């Protein structure tokens, strides 16, 4: 996540979706996600505590949704979190990002276009 990431003043996805993933991503299995932050949801999958029932709020989210937020285990987060992109980060809207933001009354992110540098002739 870059310094200008819209995620640093959002956090809606962390308070809207269940964050589930294969248990092999936990530290006890050689992964990075701390075991004490997950709950088992079936024999092969776990979820971040706080995301397995309503109201949703990941145990690792620090701050207030729609304000300044951060993930307390950012470098150790699951593949589910690593693969989730904010809208327009990859040049496309992410309907899941937009839905999470809408659930908190936040407007969808807008694309940001950079003016191409002028090439000298």
C-alpha atoms as a PDB file:
ATOM      1  CA  UNK A   1       0.000   0.000   0.000  1.00  0.00           C
ATOM      2  CA  UNK A   2       1.504   3.320  -1.040  1.00  0.00           C
ATOM      3  CA  UNK A   3       1.580   6.406   1.155  1.00  0.00           C
ATOM      4  CA  UNK A   4      -1.297   7.885  -0.860  1.00  0.00           C
ATOM      5  CA  UNK A   5      -3.439   4.769  -0.515  1.00  0.00           C
ATOM      6  CA  UNK A   6      -7.141   5.500  -0.048  1.00  0.00           C
ATOM      7  CA  UNK A   7      -7.202   2.505   2.329  1.00  0.00           C
ATOM      8  CA  UNK A   8      -5.460   4.533   5.035  1.00  0.00           C
ATOM      9  CA  UNK A   9      -8.579   6.649   5.548  1.00  0.00           C
ATOM     10  CA  UNK A  10     -11.203   3.992   4.866  1.00  0.00           C
ATOM     11  CA  UNK A  11     -11.149   0.533   6.508  1.00  0.00           C
ATOM     12  CA  UNK A  12     -14.656  -0.282   5.275  1.00  0.00           C
ATOM     13  CA  UNK A  13     -13.679  -3.673   3.848  1.00  0.00           C
ATOM     14  CA  UNK A  14     -12.247  -4.684   7.242  1.00  0.00           C
ATOM     15  CA  UNK A  15     -15.614  -3.908   8.821  1.00  0.00           C
ATOM     16  CA  UNK A  16     -17.885  -5.311   6.139  1.00  0.00           C
ATOM     17  CA  UNK A  17     -16.613  -8.675   4.847  1.00  0.00           C
ATOM     18  CA  UNK A  18     -15.718 -11.973   6.475  1.00  0.00           C
ATOM     19  CA  UNK A  19     -11.968 -12.461   6.131  1.00  0.00           C
ATOM     20  CA  UNK A  20     -11.593 -16.217   5.718  1.00  0.00           C
ATOM     21  CA  UNK A  21      -8.662 -18.207   4.379  1.00  0.00           C
ATOM     22  CA  UNK A  22      -6.918 -21.594   4.455  1.00  0.00           C
ATOM     23  CA  UNK A  23      -5.652 -22.477   7.955  1.00  0.00           C
ATOM     24  CA  UNK A  24      -2.182 -23.109   6.499  1.00  0.00           C
ATOM     25  CA  UNK A  25      -1.643 -19.330   6.485  1.00  0.00           C
ATOM     26  CA  UNK A  26      -1.523 -19.354  10.318  1.00  0.00           C
ATOM     27  CA  UNK A  27       1.793 -19.255  12.181  1.00  0.00           C
ATOM     28  CA  UNK A  28       1.258 -22.712  13.695  1.00  0.00           C
ATOM     29  CA  UNK A  29       1.272 -24.105  10.138  1.00  0.00           C
ATOM     30  CA  UNK A  30       4.264 -22.111   8.931  1.00  0.00           C
ATOM     31  CA  UNK A  31       2.270 -19.089   7.727  1.00  0.00           C
ATOM     32  CA  UNK A  32       2.278 -15.500   8.901  1.00  0.00           C
ATOM     33  CA  UNK A  33      -1.159 -14.830  10.414  1.00  0.00           C
ATOM     34  CA  UNK A  34      -1.016 -15.052  14.233  1.00  0.00           C
ATOM     35  CA  UNK A  35      -3.095 -17.994  15.499  1.00  0.00           C
ATOM     36  CA  UNK A  36      -4.587 -15.976  18.344  1.00  0.00           C
ATOM     37  CA  UNK A  37      -6.285 -13.635  15.845  1.00  0.00           C
ATOM     38  CA  UNK A  38      -8.314 -16.292  14.019  1.00  0.00           C
ATOM     39  CA  UNK A  39     -11.274 -18.550  14.689  1.00  0.00           C
ATOM     40  CA  UNK A  40     -11.934 -21.848  12.941  1.00  0.00           C
ATOM     41  CA  UNK A  41     -14.985 -21.829  10.648  1.00  0.00           C
ATOM     42  CA  UNK A  42     -14.620 -25.354   9.203  1.00  0.00           C
ATOM     43  CA  UNK A  43     -11.918 -28.058   9.122  1.00  0.00           C
ATOM     44  CA  UNK A  44      -9.811 -26.274   6.515  1.00  0.00           C
ATOM     45  CA  UNK A  45     -10.645 -22.580   6.892  1.00  0.00           C
ATOM     46  CA  UNK A  46     -10.297 -19.897   9.534  1.00  0.00           C
ATOM     47  CA  UNK A  47     -11.535 -16.323   9.745  1.00  0.00           C
ATOM     48  CA  UNK A  48     -10.111 -13.257  11.376  1.00  0.00           C
ATOM     49  CA  UNK A  49     -11.776 -12.748  14.757  1.00  0.00           C
ATOM     50  CA  UNK A  50     -14.467 -10.130  14.443  1.00  0.00           C
ATOM     51  CA  UNK A  51     -15.300 -10.971  10.830  1.00  0.00           C
ATOM     52  CA  UNK A  52     -17.098 -14.260  11.396  1.00  0.00           C
ATOM     53  CA  UNK A  53     -20.398 -12.719  12.571  1.00  0.00           C
ATOM     54  CA  UNK A  54     -22.330  -9.446  12.440  1.00  0.00           C
ATOM     55  CA  UNK A  55     -21.448  -6.729  13.248  1.00  0.00           C
ATOM     56  CA  UNK A  56     -18.183  -7.203  11.369  1.00  0.00           C
ATOM     57  CA  UNK A  57     -14.908  -5.606  12.446  1.00  0.00           C
ATOM     58  CA  UNK A  58     -11.558  -7.293  12.020  1.00  0.00           C
ATOM     59  CA  UNK A  59      -9.605  -7.618  15.249  1.00  0.00           C
ATOM     60  CA  UNK A  60      -6.551  -6.202  13.448  1.00  0.00           C
ATOM     61  CA  UNK A  61      -8.201  -2.966  12.312  1.00  0.00           C
ATOM     62  CA  UNK A  62      -6.993   0.053  14.283  1.00  0.00           C
ATOM     63  CA  UNK A  63      -8.793   3.386  14.015  1.00  0.00           C
ATOM     64  CA  UNK A  64     -12.193   4.556  12.865  1.00  0.00           C
ATOM     65  CA  UNK A  65     -13.745   3.503   9.554  1.00  0.00           C
ATOM     66  CA  UNK A  66     -13.822   6.470   7.185  1.00  0.00           C
ATOM     67  CA  UNK A  67     -11.084   8.238   9.122  1.00  0.00           C
ATOM     68  CA  UNK A  68      -7.482   7.246   9.834  1.00  0.00           C
ATOM     69  CA  UNK A  69      -7.053   3.458   9.942  1.00  0.00           C
ATOM     70  CA  UNK A  70      -4.342   0.852   9.735  1.00  0.00           C
ATOM     71  CA  UNK A  71      -3.910  -2.903   9.933  1.00  0.00           C
ATOM     72  CA  UNK A  72      -2.005  -3.940  13.044  1.00  0.00           C
ATOM     73  CA  UNK A  73      -0.655  -7.049  11.238  1.00  0.00           C
ATOM     74  CA  UNK A  74      -0.215  -5.532   7.766  1.00  0.00           C
ATOM     75  CA  UNK A  75       3.031  -7.424   7.007  1.00  0.00           C
ATOM     76  CA  UNK A  76       1.501 -10.666   8.333  1.00  0.00           C
ATOM     77  CA  UNK A  77      -2.002 -10.332   6.829  1.00  0.00           C
ATOM     78  CA  UNK A  78      -3.716 -13.183   4.978  1.00  0.00           C
ATOM     79  CA  UNK A  79      -3.850 -13.727   1.237  1.00  0.00           C
ATOM     80  CA  UNK A  80      -7.494 -12.617   1.316  1.00  0.00           C
ATOM     81  CA  UNK A  81      -6.390  -9.186   2.484  1.00  0.00           C
ATOM     82  CA  UNK A  82      -3.310  -9.065   0.260  1.00  0.00           C
ATOM     83  CA  UNK A  83      -5.434  -9.771  -2.819  1.00  0.00           C
ATOM     84  CA  UNK A  84      -8.188  -7.233  -2.074  1.00  0.00           C
ATOM     85  CA  UNK A  85      -7.605  -4.046  -4.074  1.00  0.00           C
ATOM     86  CA  UNK A  86      -9.220  -0.667  -3.560  1.00  0.00           C
ATOM     87  CA  UNK A  87     -11.101   0.600  -6.592  1.00  0.00           C
ATOM     88  CA  UNK A  88      -8.860   2.011  -9.310  1.00  0.00           C
ATOM     89  CA  UNK A  89      -5.592   0.767  -7.787  1.00  0.00           C
ATOM     90  CA  UNK A  90      -5.229  -1.515 -10.804  1.00  0.00           C
ATOM     91  CA  UNK A  91      -7.060   0.839 -13.184  1.00  0.00           C
ATOM     92  CA  UNK A  92     -10.469  -0.774 -12.611  1.00  0.00           C
ATOM     93  CA  UNK A  93     -13.353  -0.266 -10.234  1.00  0.00           C
ATOM     94  CA  UNK A  94     -13.730  -2.923  -7.530  1.00  0.00           C
ATOM     95  CA  UNK A  95     -17.471  -3.422  -6.870  1.00  0.00           C
ATOM     96  CA  UNK A  96     -16.671  -5.040  -3.494  1.00  0.00           C
ATOM     97  CA  UNK A  97     -14.691  -1.983  -2.411  1.00  0.00           C
ATOM     98  CA  UNK A  98     -17.533   0.271  -3.539  1.00  0.00           C
ATOM     99  CA  UNK A  99     -20.115  -1.863  -1.663  1.00  0.00           C
ATOM    100  CA  UNK A 100     -18.118  -1.818   1.569  1.00  0.00           C
ATOM    101  CA  UNK A 101     -17.679   1.947   1.346  1.00  0.00           C
ATOM    102  CA  UNK A 102     -21.394   2.431   0.636  1.00  0.00           C
ATOM    103  CA  UNK A 103     -22.282   0.404   3.756  1.00  0.00           C
ATOM    104  CA  UNK A 104     -20.556   3.140   5.793  1.00  0.00           C
ATOM    105  CA  UNK A 105     -21.948   6.062   3.797  1.00  0.00           C
ATOM    106  CA  UNK A 106     -18.661   6.642   1.988  1.00  0.00           C
ATOM    107  CA  UNK A 107     -18.668   7.608  -1.681  1.00  0.00           C
ATOM    108  CA  UNK A 108     -17.070   5.217  -4.160  1.00  0.00           C
ATOM    109  CA  UNK A 109     -13.487   6.000  -5.000  1.00  0.00           C
ATOM    110  CA  UNK A 110     -12.927   7.930  -8.215  1.00  0.00           C
ATOM    111  CA  UNK A 111     -10.271   7.063 -10.770  1.00  0.00           C
ATOM    112  CA  UNK A 112      -7.197   9.231 -10.645  1.00  0.00           C
ATOM    113  CA  UNK A 113      -5.585   9.941 -13.951  1.00  0.00           C
ATOM    114  CA  UNK A 114      -2.025  11.098 -14.350  1.00  0.00           C
ATOM    115  CA  UNK A 115      -1.128  13.392 -17.212  1.00  0.00           C
ATOM    116  CA  UNK A 116       1.507  11.653 -19.328  1.00  0.00           C
ATOM    117  CA  UNK A 117       4.884  13.335 -19.308  1.00  0.00           C
ATOM    118  CA  UNK A 118       5.652  15.346 -22.426  1.00  0.00           C
ATOM    119  CA  UNK A 119       8.253  13.777 -24.655  1.00  0.00           C
ATOM    120  CA  UNK A 120      10.712  16.049 -26.363  1.00  0.00           C
ATOM    121  CA  UNK A 121      10.833  15.827 -30.127  1.00  0.00           C
END
